[in-house]
Amino acid sequence: MTKADIVSEIAKSTGIEKVATLKIVEAMMENIKSSIEKGDNVYLRGFGSFIVKKRAKKTARNISKNTSLVIPEHFIPAFKPAKSFMVKVKNSVKK
């Protein structure tokens, strides 16, 4: 599903025009991104959490050059689904 598909589905179910729905969806995504960039987590009850994870410093190897390099600690965005959401997906998605 793409952003356009999401906008179409929301517009159909709410009766709001696609242009207005697109602005709302984009505003929501921008707010989530800016919160994560600031280091704040976003919690959407029943859906999941957009969180900032800290990755520890580690040593990696470049196999082709046979060298090692240090990757400094850094932060990455992550999504953790709500338990109720995980259960629904687990029980409904066909393999």
Protein backbone atom coordinates (compact mmCIF):
# COMPACT_ATOMS: atom_id res chain seq x y z
CA MET A 1 0.00 0.00 0.00
CA THR A 2 1.34 3.40 -0.96
CA LYS A 3 0.65 6.86 0.42
CA ALA A 4 -1.75 7.47 -2.48
CA ASP A 5 -3.64 4.29 -1.56
CA ILE A 6 -3.87 5.40 2.07
CA VAL A 7 -5.16 8.82 1.03
CA SER A 8 -7.77 7.22 -1.25
CA GLU A 9 -8.99 4.84 1.46
CA ILE A 10 -9.25 7.62 4.06
CA ALA A 11 -11.03 9.92 1.60
CA LYS A 12 -13.53 7.16 0.78
CA SER A 13 -14.25 6.27 4.39
CA THR A 14 -14.53 9.86 5.68
CA GLY A 15 -16.03 11.67 2.69
CA ILE A 16 -13.27 14.31 2.79
CA GLU A 17 -11.73 15.38 -0.54
CA LYS A 18 -8.49 13.68 -1.55
CA VAL A 19 -6.57 16.98 -1.61
CA ALA A 20 -7.51 17.76 2.00
CA THR A 21 -6.84 14.18 3.06
CA LEU A 22 -3.40 14.28 1.44
CA LYS A 23 -2.54 17.45 3.40
CA ILE A 24 -3.66 15.79 6.64
CA VAL A 25 -1.67 12.60 5.99
CA GLU A 26 1.45 14.58 5.05
CA ALA A 27 1.08 16.82 8.11
CA MET A 28 0.82 13.76 10.34
CA MET A 29 3.92 12.22 8.79
CA GLU A 30 5.86 15.50 9.13
CA ASN A 31 4.87 15.80 12.80
CA ILE A 32 6.01 12.25 13.49
CA LYS A 33 9.31 12.82 11.68
CA SER A 34 10.03 16.11 13.44
CA SER A 35 9.27 14.55 16.85
CA ILE A 36 11.60 11.64 16.14
CA GLU A 37 14.33 14.02 14.91
CA LYS A 38 14.09 15.88 18.24
CA GLY A 39 14.47 12.58 20.10
CA ASP A 40 10.84 12.38 21.23
CA ASN A 41 8.90 9.15 20.88
CA VAL A 42 5.41 9.11 19.32
CA TYR A 43 2.81 6.81 20.89
CA LEU A 44 -0.35 5.91 18.96
CA ARG A 45 -2.46 3.78 21.30
CA GLY A 46 -3.75 0.62 19.60
CA PHE A 47 -1.39 1.07 16.63
CA GLY A 48 2.17 1.30 17.92
CA SER A 49 5.05 3.57 18.82
CA PHE A 50 7.59 5.38 16.70
CA ILE A 51 10.68 5.35 18.89
CA VAL A 52 14.30 6.44 18.80
CA LYS A 53 16.72 3.57 19.39
CA LYS A 54 20.31 3.99 20.47
CA ARG A 55 22.83 1.79 18.70
CA ALA A 56 26.00 1.13 20.68
CA LYS A 57 29.50 1.66 19.32
CA LYS A 58 30.77 -1.44 17.54
CA THR A 59 33.64 -2.75 15.50
CA ALA A 60 32.87 -3.87 11.96
CA ARG A 61 35.00 -5.56 9.33
CA ASN A 62 35.51 -4.69 5.69
CA ILE A 63 36.02 -8.15 4.25
CA SER A 64 37.25 -7.02 0.83
CA LYS A 65 40.06 -4.88 2.31
CA ASN A 66 40.57 -7.08 5.39
CA THR A 67 40.36 -4.09 7.73
CA SER A 68 38.28 -3.25 10.74
CA LEU A 69 36.56 0.03 11.47
CA VAL A 70 34.72 1.47 14.43
CA ILE A 71 31.10 2.50 13.96
CA PRO A 72 30.30 5.15 16.57
CA GLU A 73 27.14 5.01 18.65
CA HIS A 74 24.18 6.50 16.83
CA PHE A 75 20.41 6.79 16.97
CA ILE A 76 17.93 5.26 14.54
CA PRO A 77 14.15 5.55 14.15
CA ALA A 78 12.15 2.39 14.80
CA PHE A 79 8.53 1.27 14.97
CA LYS A 80 7.18 -0.99 17.68
CA PRO A 81 3.64 -2.25 16.96
CA ALA A 82 1.05 -2.44 19.74
CA LYS A 83 0.35 -5.91 21.14
CA SER A 84 -3.27 -5.87 19.96
CA PHE A 85 -2.11 -4.91 16.46
CA MET A 86 0.50 -7.70 16.41
CA VAL A 87 -2.11 -10.28 17.47
CA LYS A 88 -4.51 -9.18 14.72
CA VAL A 89 -1.79 -9.41 12.07
CA LYS A 90 -0.57 -12.75 13.38
CA ASN A 91 -4.07 -14.25 13.24
CA SER A 92 -5.24 -12.76 9.94
CA VAL A 93 -2.31 -12.77 7.50
CA LYS A 94 -2.21 -15.93 5.39
CA LYS A 95 1.13 -17.53 4.70
